[in-house]
Amino acid sequence: MTFDAVILAGGAARRLGGADKPALRVGARPLLDRVLGACQGAGRTVVVGPRRPTARSVDWTREEPPGGGPVAAVDAGVRRTTAPVVLVLSADLPFLTGDTVGALVQGLGQAEGVLLTDSGGREQPLVAAYRAEPLRREIALLAAEHGGLAGLPLRLLTAELTLARLHHPTASFDCDTWEDITTARARIREHGHVLDEWIAAVKAELGIDLDVDVSALLDLARDAAHGVARPAAPLTTFLVGYAAAQQGGGPEALAAATGKAAALAARWAEEAESTG
């Protein structure tokens, strides 16, 4: 389903002492860039807030008046979209993934919107996908009723929409306080997450969009270290990457180079055993 994305990156961040929250780093990447990475499938991405450096190109806009609150910000973003579905996100979601974005968009069904609920069951209207026309309808009605959108609470915007809900405590986790930032930074360094987080950070830093077969590369590194010598592991994986690039890059080239190197490491180890 075709969708655009609107990311709210303004706000005063009072509980963070006025820090530029979207620019705060979790896993060495700004929170805003982490959210942008999760919604790369959007046809158009609109960021509502002050301009900042970002890992990829986006469409910038501001709410009127600046600092006018979330409803005004959603309105400003939606005005720049054309797709039938609009993904609305806050810029402080360190664990949002492309899979969750896909689940939101595909989960609309007959509803006018679908949003995540957090660990306490609370609805998160800024981690949601909405059908564009009902969303524009409610914005127009609120503007007419209240004479404007500044300062209106977000619950007024979603109150009259037919909503579906997806429970996802991790993806709905947002960073409102320094304690939240500390929790997020600690979580990505846990054993079960650190490797995936590191690979994602490296790919983002190098501008690489490639699905990496982590298990195959780790097996290759292990075999090279044990069957040849410990320094062979990083050197071998470097050479595999270089060889894949020479063949045009992409998952198939990387898999072919990994397979050849793994077979070589196996033959090397077998020979060593036979002559030992």
C-alpha atoms as a PDB file:
ATOM      1  CA  MET A   1       0.000   0.000   0.000  1.00  0.00           C
ATOM      2  CA  THR A   2       1.398   3.398  -0.996  1.00  0.00           C
ATOM      3  CA  PHE A   3       2.098   5.699   1.938  1.00  0.00           C
ATOM      4  CA  ASP A   4       3.826   8.942   2.866  1.00  0.00           C
ATOM      5  CA  ALA A   5       5.466   9.645   6.215  1.00  0.00           C
ATOM      6  CA  VAL A   6       5.124  12.667   8.487  1.00  0.00           C
ATOM      7  CA  ILE A   7       7.635  12.915  11.330  1.00  0.00           C
ATOM      8  CA  LEU A   8       7.136  15.418  14.129  1.00  0.00           C
ATOM      9  CA  ALA A   9      10.530  16.791  15.136  1.00  0.00           C
ATOM     10  CA  GLY A  10       9.655  20.011  16.922  1.00  0.00           C
ATOM     11  CA  GLY A  11       8.587  20.532  20.506  1.00  0.00           C
ATOM     12  CA  ALA A  12      10.315  22.136  23.460  1.00  0.00           C
ATOM     13  CA  ALA A  13      11.615  18.906  25.081  1.00  0.00           C
ATOM     14  CA  ARG A  14      11.106  20.454  28.509  1.00  0.00           C
ATOM     15  CA  ARG A  15      11.661  17.137  30.309  1.00  0.00           C
ATOM     16  CA  LEU A  16      15.054  17.002  28.600  1.00  0.00           C
ATOM     17  CA  GLY A  17      15.997  20.496  29.663  1.00  0.00           C
ATOM     18  CA  GLY A  18      15.301  21.921  26.224  1.00  0.00           C
ATOM     19  CA  ALA A  19      17.808  19.639  24.464  1.00  0.00           C
ATOM     20  CA  ASP A  20      17.401  19.074  20.724  1.00  0.00           C
ATOM     21  CA  LYS A  21      15.759  15.691  21.210  1.00  0.00           C
ATOM     22  CA  PRO A  22      15.690  14.492  17.577  1.00  0.00           C
ATOM     23  CA  ALA A  23      19.468  15.079  17.413  1.00  0.00           C
ATOM     24  CA  LEU A  24      20.247  13.061  20.560  1.00  0.00           C
ATOM     25  CA  ARG A  25      22.151   9.898  19.727  1.00  0.00           C
ATOM     26  CA  VAL A  26      21.190   6.350  20.596  1.00  0.00           C
ATOM     27  CA  GLY A  27      23.574   3.734  19.261  1.00  0.00           C
ATOM     28  CA  ALA A  28      25.719   6.574  17.862  1.00  0.00           C
ATOM     29  CA  ARG A  29      22.861   7.621  15.529  1.00  0.00           C
ATOM     30  CA  PRO A  30      20.514  10.604  15.986  1.00  0.00           C
ATOM     31  CA  LEU A  31      17.005   9.614  16.998  1.00  0.00           C
ATOM     32  CA  LEU A  32      15.602  11.323  13.914  1.00  0.00           C
ATOM     33  CA  ASP A  33      17.859   9.301  11.608  1.00  0.00           C
ATOM     34  CA  ARG A  34      16.765   6.090  13.311  1.00  0.00           C
ATOM     35  CA  VAL A  35      13.118   6.935  12.594  1.00  0.00           C
ATOM     36  CA  LEU A  36      13.945   7.954   9.028  1.00  0.00           C
ATOM     37  CA  GLY A  37      15.636   4.607   8.526  1.00  0.00           C
ATOM     38  CA  ALA A  38      12.479   2.776   9.597  1.00  0.00           C
ATOM     39  CA  CYS A  39      10.260   4.526   7.039  1.00  0.00           C
ATOM     40  CA  GLN A  40      12.450   4.396   3.946  1.00  0.00           C
ATOM     41  CA  GLY A  41       9.554   2.820   2.051  1.00  0.00           C
ATOM     42  CA  ALA A  42       7.541   6.036   2.160  1.00  0.00           C
ATOM     43  CA  GLY A  43       6.869   7.749  -1.137  1.00  0.00           C
ATOM     44  CA  ARG A  44       7.467  11.146   0.461  1.00  0.00           C
ATOM     45  CA  THR A  45       8.897  11.893   3.892  1.00  0.00           C
ATOM     46  CA  VAL A  46       7.974  15.189   5.540  1.00  0.00           C
ATOM     47  CA  VAL A  47       9.716  16.309   8.728  1.00  0.00           C
ATOM     48  CA  VAL A  48       7.926  18.996  10.729  1.00  0.00           C
ATOM     49  CA  GLY A  49      10.429  20.999  12.739  1.00  0.00           C
ATOM     50  CA  PRO A  50      13.636  23.041  12.474  1.00  0.00           C
ATOM     51  CA  ARG A  51      16.000  21.930   9.724  1.00  0.00           C
ATOM     52  CA  ARG A  52      18.804  19.619  10.823  1.00  0.00           C
ATOM     53  CA  PRO A  53      21.386  17.461   9.056  1.00  0.00           C
ATOM     54  CA  THR A  54      19.816  14.082   8.214  1.00  0.00           C
ATOM     55  CA  ALA A  55      21.098  10.819   6.807  1.00  0.00           C
ATOM     56  CA  ARG A  56      18.761  11.057   3.819  1.00  0.00           C
ATOM     57  CA  SER A  57      16.879  13.765   1.984  1.00  0.00           C
ATOM     58  CA  VAL A  58      13.492  14.806   3.384  1.00  0.00           C
ATOM     59  CA  ASP A  59      10.880  17.506   2.831  1.00  0.00           C
ATOM     60  CA  TRP A  60      10.985  20.103   5.635  1.00  0.00           C
ATOM     61  CA  THR A  61       8.107  22.206   6.910  1.00  0.00           C
ATOM     62  CA  ARG A  62       6.971  23.976  10.082  1.00  0.00           C
ATOM     63  CA  GLU A  63       3.666  24.177  11.906  1.00  0.00           C
ATOM     64  CA  GLU A  64       1.877  27.506  12.251  1.00  0.00           C
ATOM     65  CA  PRO A  65       2.622  29.038  14.594  1.00  0.00           C
ATOM     66  CA  PRO A  66       5.990  27.352  15.362  1.00  0.00           C
ATOM     67  CA  GLY A  67       5.542  25.501  18.630  1.00  0.00           C
ATOM     68  CA  GLY A  68       1.788  25.290  18.038  1.00  0.00           C
ATOM     69  CA  GLY A  69       1.568  21.706  19.234  1.00  0.00           C
ATOM     70  CA  PRO A  70       1.092  18.261  17.729  1.00  0.00           C
ATOM     71  CA  VAL A  71      -2.211  18.806  15.906  1.00  0.00           C
ATOM     72  CA  ALA A  72      -0.838  21.873  14.126  1.00  0.00           C
ATOM     73  CA  ALA A  73       2.311  19.901  13.309  1.00  0.00           C
ATOM     74  CA  VAL A  74       0.344  16.970  11.881  1.00  0.00           C
ATOM     75  CA  ASP A  75      -1.648  19.413   9.769  1.00  0.00           C
ATOM     76  CA  ALA A  76       1.508  21.033   8.405  1.00  0.00           C
ATOM     77  CA  GLY A  77       2.959  17.655   7.498  1.00  0.00           C
ATOM     78  CA  VAL A  78      -0.174  16.186   5.954  1.00  0.00           C
ATOM     79  CA  ARG A  79      -0.529  19.244   3.698  1.00  0.00           C
ATOM     80  CA  ARG A  80       2.725  18.148   1.993  1.00  0.00           C
ATOM     81  CA  THR A  81       1.598  14.563   1.356  1.00  0.00           C
ATOM     82  CA  THR A  82      -0.324  12.995  -1.530  1.00  0.00           C
ATOM     83  CA  ALA A  83      -0.494   9.262  -0.741  1.00  0.00           C
ATOM     84  CA  PRO A  84      -3.770   7.666   0.428  1.00  0.00           C
ATOM     85  CA  VAL A  85      -2.113   6.567   3.675  1.00  0.00           C
ATOM     86  CA  VAL A  86      -0.043   8.765   5.985  1.00  0.00           C
ATOM     87  CA  LEU A  87       2.349   7.350   8.537  1.00  0.00           C
ATOM     88  CA  VAL A  88       2.557   9.762  11.502  1.00  0.00           C
ATOM     89  CA  LEU A  89       5.555   9.361  13.789  1.00  0.00           C
ATOM     90  CA  SER A  90       7.348  11.222  16.522  1.00  0.00           C
ATOM     91  CA  ALA A  91      11.104  11.671  16.059  1.00  0.00           C
ATOM     92  CA  ASP A  92      12.078   9.949  19.317  1.00  0.00           C
ATOM     93  CA  LEU A  93      11.421   6.257  18.609  1.00  0.00           C
ATOM     94  CA  PRO A  94      14.772   4.450  18.907  1.00  0.00           C
ATOM     95  CA  PHE A  95      13.388   0.942  18.316  1.00  0.00           C
ATOM     96  CA  LEU A  96      11.011   1.549  15.434  1.00  0.00           C
ATOM     97  CA  THR A  97      11.789  -0.757  12.499  1.00  0.00           C
ATOM     98  CA  GLY A  98      10.739  -1.129   8.913  1.00  0.00           C
ATOM     99  CA  ASP A  99       8.872  -4.300   9.850  1.00  0.00           C
ATOM    100  CA  THR A 100       6.736  -2.386  12.355  1.00  0.00           C
ATOM    101  CA  VAL A 101       6.061   0.357   9.812  1.00  0.00           C
ATOM    102  CA  GLY A 102       4.926  -2.328   7.370  1.00  0.00           C
ATOM    103  CA  ALA A 103       2.680  -3.887   9.993  1.00  0.00           C
ATOM    104  CA  LEU A 104       1.030  -0.526  10.657  1.00  0.00           C
ATOM    105  CA  VAL A 105       0.368   0.195   6.991  1.00  0.00           C
ATOM    106  CA  GLN A 106      -0.867  -3.322   6.245  1.00  0.00           C
ATOM    107  CA  GLY A 107      -2.907  -3.426   9.443  1.00  0.00           C
ATOM    108  CA  LEU A 108      -5.308  -0.675   8.397  1.00  0.00           C
ATOM    109  CA  GLY A 109      -7.912  -3.044   6.989  1.00  0.00           C
ATOM    110  CA  GLN A 110     -11.243  -1.224   7.057  1.00  0.00           C
ATOM    111  CA  ALA A 111     -10.148   1.158   9.826  1.00  0.00           C
ATOM    112  CA  GLU A 112      -9.354   4.853   9.372  1.00  0.00           C
ATOM    113  CA  GLY A 113      -6.187   4.481  11.395  1.00  0.00           C
ATOM    114  CA  VAL A 114      -4.059   1.929  13.207  1.00  0.00           C
ATOM    115  CA  LEU A 115      -1.775   2.838  16.089  1.00  0.00           C
ATOM    116  CA  LEU A 116       0.599   1.109  18.451  1.00  0.00           C
ATOM    117  CA  THR A 117      -0.045   0.591  22.130  1.00  0.00           C
ATOM    118  CA  ASP A 118       2.813   0.600  24.623  1.00  0.00           C
ATOM    119  CA  SER A 119       3.765  -1.726  27.476  1.00  0.00           C
ATOM    120  CA  GLY A 120       0.993  -0.281  29.650  1.00  0.00           C
ATOM    121  CA  GLY A 121      -1.629  -0.572  26.916  1.00  0.00           C
ATOM    122  CA  ARG A 122      -1.659   3.179  26.277  1.00  0.00           C
ATOM    123  CA  GLU A 123      -2.388   4.312  22.735  1.00  0.00           C
ATOM    124  CA  GLN A 124       0.417   6.037  20.858  1.00  0.00           C
ATOM    125  CA  PRO A 125      -1.169   8.224  18.134  1.00  0.00           C
ATOM    126  CA  LEU A 126       2.293   9.352  17.020  1.00  0.00           C
ATOM    127  CA  VAL A 127       3.263   5.808  16.058  1.00  0.00           C
ATOM    128  CA  ALA A 128       0.410   5.227  13.658  1.00  0.00           C
ATOM    129  CA  ALA A 129      -0.822   4.964  10.082  1.00  0.00           C
ATOM    130  CA  TYR A 130      -3.917   6.884   9.006  1.00  0.00           C
ATOM    131  CA  ARG A 131      -6.015   7.073   5.888  1.00  0.00           C
ATOM    132  CA  ALA A 132      -5.327  10.532   4.557  1.00  0.00           C
ATOM    133  CA  GLU A 133      -8.851  11.691   3.786  1.00  0.00           C
ATOM    134  CA  PRO A 134     -10.406  10.967   7.221  1.00  0.00           C
ATOM    135  CA  LEU A 135      -7.362  12.559   8.832  1.00  0.00           C
ATOM    136  CA  ARG A 136      -7.754  15.720   6.734  1.00  0.00           C
ATOM    137  CA  ARG A 137     -11.485  15.746   7.507  1.00  0.00           C
ATOM    138  CA  GLU A 138     -10.910  15.725  11.260  1.00  0.00           C
ATOM    139  CA  ILE A 139      -8.224  18.407  11.013  1.00  0.00           C
ATOM    140  CA  ALA A 140     -10.598  20.673   9.082  1.00  0.00           C
ATOM    141  CA  LEU A 141     -13.423  20.094  11.577  1.00  0.00           C
ATOM    142  CA  LEU A 142     -11.166  20.898  14.535  1.00  0.00           C
ATOM    143  CA  ALA A 143      -9.896  24.076  12.852  1.00  0.00           C
ATOM    144  CA  ALA A 144     -13.457  25.223  12.182  1.00  0.00           C
ATOM    145  CA  GLU A 145     -14.690  24.362  15.681  1.00  0.00           C
ATOM    146  CA  HIS A 146     -11.785  25.913  17.594  1.00  0.00           C
ATOM    147  CA  GLY A 147     -10.825  28.705  15.247  1.00  0.00           C
ATOM    148  CA  GLY A 148      -7.383  27.157  14.733  1.00  0.00           C
ATOM    149  CA  LEU A 149      -5.239  24.183  15.689  1.00  0.00           C
ATOM    150  CA  ALA A 150      -2.588  25.688  17.963  1.00  0.00           C
ATOM    151  CA  GLY A 151      -2.464  24.145  21.404  1.00  0.00           C
ATOM    152  CA  LEU A 152      -5.068  21.437  20.764  1.00  0.00           C
ATOM    153  CA  PRO A 153      -4.404  18.033  22.351  1.00  0.00           C
ATOM    154  CA  LEU A 154      -3.800  15.153  19.984  1.00  0.00           C
ATOM    155  CA  ARG A 155      -6.652  13.117  21.464  1.00  0.00           C
ATOM    156  CA  LEU A 156      -9.140  15.513  19.826  1.00  0.00           C
ATOM    157  CA  LEU A 157      -7.761  14.584  16.423  1.00  0.00           C
ATOM    158  CA  THR A 158      -8.120  10.830  16.887  1.00  0.00           C
ATOM    159  CA  ALA A 159     -11.313  10.811  18.984  1.00  0.00           C
ATOM    160  CA  GLU A 160     -13.699  10.541  16.025  1.00  0.00           C
ATOM    161  CA  LEU A 161     -11.590   8.194  13.879  1.00  0.00           C
ATOM    162  CA  THR A 162     -12.275   4.470  13.630  1.00  0.00           C
ATOM    163  CA  LEU A 163      -9.036   3.003  14.943  1.00  0.00           C
ATOM    164  CA  ALA A 164      -7.359  -0.392  15.047  1.00  0.00           C
ATOM    165  CA  ARG A 165      -4.537  -1.118  17.480  1.00  0.00           C
ATOM    166  CA  LEU A 166      -1.307  -3.113  17.477  1.00  0.00           C
ATOM    167  CA  HIS A 167       0.416  -3.883  20.759  1.00  0.00           C
ATOM    168  CA  HIS A 168       4.179  -3.372  20.463  1.00  0.00           C
ATOM    169  CA  PRO A 169       5.946  -2.332  23.692  1.00  0.00           C
ATOM    170  CA  THR A 170       9.360  -2.072  22.037  1.00  0.00           C
ATOM    171  CA  ALA A 171       8.596  -0.088  18.874  1.00  0.00           C
ATOM    172  CA  SER A 172       6.301   2.275  20.811  1.00  0.00           C
ATOM    173  CA  PHE A 173       9.047   3.159  23.320  1.00  0.00           C
ATOM    174  CA  ASP A 174       9.755   6.884  23.081  1.00  0.00           C
ATOM    175  CA  CYS A 175      12.379   9.060  24.737  1.00  0.00           C
ATOM    176  CA  ASP A 176      10.795  11.826  26.784  1.00  0.00           C
ATOM    177  CA  THR A 177      13.354  11.966  29.614  1.00  0.00           C
ATOM    178  CA  TRP A 178      17.082  11.455  30.145  1.00  0.00           C
ATOM    179  CA  GLU A 179      16.185   8.230  31.908  1.00  0.00           C
ATOM    180  CA  ASP A 180      14.501   7.048  28.703  1.00  0.00           C
ATOM    181  CA  ILE A 181      17.614   7.955  26.703  1.00  0.00           C
ATOM    182  CA  THR A 182      19.800   6.020  29.147  1.00  0.00           C
ATOM    183  CA  THR A 183      17.474   3.010  28.979  1.00  0.00           C
ATOM    184  CA  ALA A 184      17.536   3.013  25.168  1.00  0.00           C
ATOM    185  CA  ARG A 185      21.316   3.314  25.038  1.00  0.00           C
ATOM    186  CA  ALA A 186      21.702   0.426  27.461  1.00  0.00           C
ATOM    187  CA  ARG A 187      19.228  -1.813  25.651  1.00  0.00           C
ATOM    188  CA  ILE A 188      20.943  -1.683  22.280  1.00  0.00           C
ATOM    189  CA  ARG A 189      24.157  -2.817  23.930  1.00  0.00           C
ATOM    190  CA  GLU A 190      22.578  -5.942  25.356  1.00  0.00           C
ATOM    191  CA  HIS A 191      23.926  -9.195  23.972  1.00  0.00           C
ATOM    192  CA  GLY A 192      20.822  -9.977  21.947  1.00  0.00           C
ATOM    193  CA  HIS A 193      20.751  -6.601  20.184  1.00  0.00           C
ATOM    194  CA  VAL A 194      24.260  -5.165  19.949  1.00  0.00           C
ATOM    195  CA  LEU A 195      25.388  -6.888  16.753  1.00  0.00           C
ATOM    196  CA  ASP A 196      22.280  -5.973  14.756  1.00  0.00           C
ATOM    197  CA  GLU A 197      22.438  -2.409  16.079  1.00  0.00           C
ATOM    198  CA  TRP A 198      26.114  -2.082  15.205  1.00  0.00           C
ATOM    199  CA  ILE A 199      25.604  -3.403  11.673  1.00  0.00           C
ATOM    200  CA  ALA A 200      22.669  -1.027  11.154  1.00  0.00           C
ATOM    201  CA  ALA A 201      24.790   1.886  12.378  1.00  0.00           C
ATOM    202  CA  VAL A 202      27.700   0.982  10.091  1.00  0.00           C
ATOM    203  CA  LYS A 203      25.421   0.592   7.057  1.00  0.00           C
ATOM    204  CA  ALA A 204      23.831   3.969   7.777  1.00  0.00           C
ATOM    205  CA  GLU A 205      27.203   5.644   8.243  1.00  0.00           C
ATOM    206  CA  LEU A 206      28.615   4.175   5.014  1.00  0.00           C
ATOM    207  CA  GLY A 207      25.434   4.664   3.006  1.00  0.00           C
ATOM    208  CA  ILE A 208      25.072   0.929   2.364  1.00  0.00           C
ATOM    209  CA  ASP A 209      21.647  -0.579   1.735  1.00  0.00           C
ATOM    210  CA  LEU A 210      22.430  -4.291   1.833  1.00  0.00           C
ATOM    211  CA  ASP A 211      20.937  -7.251   3.652  1.00  0.00           C
ATOM    212  CA  VAL A 212      23.866  -8.899   5.427  1.00  0.00           C
ATOM    213  CA  ASP A 213      23.851 -12.623   6.140  1.00  0.00           C
ATOM    214  CA  VAL A 214      25.332 -12.191   9.594  1.00  0.00           C
ATOM    215  CA  SER A 215      25.417 -15.903  10.416  1.00  0.00           C
ATOM    216  CA  ALA A 216      27.342 -16.771   7.250  1.00  0.00           C
ATOM    217  CA  LEU A 217      29.917 -14.042   7.819  1.00  0.00           C
ATOM    218  CA  LEU A 218      30.365 -14.993  11.463  1.00  0.00           C
ATOM    219  CA  ASP A 219      30.797 -18.643  10.520  1.00  0.00           C
ATOM    220  CA  LEU A 220      33.395 -17.632   7.954  1.00  0.00           C
ATOM    221  CA  ALA A 221      35.246 -15.469  10.490  1.00  0.00           C
ATOM    222  CA  ARG A 222      35.197 -18.325  13.009  1.00  0.00           C
ATOM    223  CA  ASP A 223      36.504 -20.862  10.489  1.00  0.00           C
ATOM    224  CA  ALA A 224      39.261 -18.517   9.326  1.00  0.00           C
ATOM    225  CA  ALA A 225      40.299 -17.789  12.915  1.00  0.00           C
ATOM    226  CA  HIS A 226      40.317 -21.418  14.016  1.00  0.00           C
ATOM    227  CA  GLY A 227      41.499 -23.077  10.819  1.00  0.00           C
ATOM    228  CA  VAL A 228      44.139 -20.553   9.752  1.00  0.00           C
ATOM    229  CA  ALA A 229      45.085 -17.947  12.371  1.00  0.00           C
ATOM    230  CA  ARG A 230      43.168 -15.479  14.534  1.00  0.00           C
ATOM    231  CA  PRO A 231      44.124 -12.393  12.470  1.00  0.00           C
ATOM    232  CA  ALA A 232      42.752 -14.165   9.398  1.00  0.00           C
ATOM    233  CA  ALA A 233      39.163 -13.507  10.551  1.00  0.00           C
ATOM    234  CA  PRO A 234      38.937  -9.717  10.041  1.00  0.00           C
ATOM    235  CA  LEU A 235      41.202  -9.814   6.991  1.00  0.00           C
ATOM    236  CA  THR A 236      39.116 -12.532   5.338  1.00  0.00           C
ATOM    237  CA  THR A 237      35.812 -10.757   5.885  1.00  0.00           C
ATOM    238  CA  PHE A 238      37.353  -7.549   4.524  1.00  0.00           C
ATOM    239  CA  LEU A 239      38.524  -9.359   1.381  1.00  0.00           C
ATOM    240  CA  VAL A 240      35.091 -10.964   0.957  1.00  0.00           C
ATOM    241  CA  GLY A 241      33.458  -7.539   1.047  1.00  0.00           C
ATOM    242  CA  TYR A 242      35.977  -6.168  -1.423  1.00  0.00           C
ATOM    243  CA  ALA A 243      35.461  -9.107  -3.782  1.00  0.00           C
ATOM    244  CA  ALA A 244      31.678  -8.678  -3.621  1.00  0.00           C
ATOM    245  CA  ALA A 245      32.038  -4.991  -4.465  1.00  0.00           C
ATOM    246  CA  GLN A 246      34.227  -5.887  -7.442  1.00  0.00           C
ATOM    247  CA  GLN A 247      31.388  -8.063  -8.725  1.00  0.00           C
ATOM    248  CA  GLY A 248      28.868  -5.268  -8.515  1.00  0.00           C
ATOM    249  CA  GLY A 249      27.827  -5.680  -4.879  1.00  0.00           C
ATOM    250  CA  GLY A 250      24.440  -6.837  -3.700  1.00  0.00           C
ATOM    251  CA  PRO A 251      23.321  -9.870  -1.682  1.00  0.00           C
ATOM    252  CA  GLU A 252      24.102 -12.411  -4.429  1.00  0.00           C
ATOM    253  CA  ALA A 253      27.665 -11.193  -4.933  1.00  0.00           C
ATOM    254  CA  LEU A 254      28.262 -11.159  -1.173  1.00  0.00           C
ATOM    255  CA  ALA A 255      26.819 -14.673  -0.771  1.00  0.00           C
ATOM    256  CA  ALA A 256      28.985 -15.997  -3.609  1.00  0.00           C
ATOM    257  CA  ALA A 257      32.168 -14.477  -2.187  1.00  0.00           C
ATOM    258  CA  THR A 258      31.318 -15.710   1.311  1.00  0.00           C
ATOM    259  CA  GLY A 259      30.694 -19.228   0.010  1.00  0.00           C
ATOM    260  CA  LYS A 260      34.012 -19.377  -1.852  1.00  0.00           C
ATOM    261  CA  ALA A 261      35.960 -18.128   1.164  1.00  0.00           C
ATOM    262  CA  ALA A 262      34.144 -20.519   3.503  1.00  0.00           C
ATOM    263  CA  ALA A 263      34.947 -23.479   1.235  1.00  0.00           C
ATOM    264  CA  LEU A 264      38.593 -22.381   1.087  1.00  0.00           C
ATOM    265  CA  ALA A 265      38.742 -22.146   4.890  1.00  0.00           C
ATOM    266  CA  ALA A 266      37.280 -25.651   5.163  1.00  0.00           C
ATOM    267  CA  ARG A 267      39.863 -27.069   2.735  1.00  0.00           C
ATOM    268  CA  TRP A 268      42.625 -25.235   4.582  1.00  0.00           C
ATOM    269  CA  ALA A 269      41.550 -26.688   7.919  1.00  0.00           C
ATOM    270  CA  GLU A 270      41.147 -30.182   6.459  1.00  0.00           C
ATOM    271  CA  GLU A 271      44.647 -30.037   4.995  1.00  0.00           C
ATOM    272  CA  ALA A 272      46.090 -28.848   8.289  1.00  0.00           C
ATOM    273  CA  GLU A 273      44.467 -31.766  10.110  1.00  0.00           C
ATOM    274  CA  SER A 274      45.790 -34.299   7.617  1.00  0.00           C
ATOM    275  CA  THR A 275      49.337 -32.999   7.922  1.00  0.00           C
ATOM    276  CA  GLY A 276      49.210 -32.482  11.673  1.00  0.00           C
END
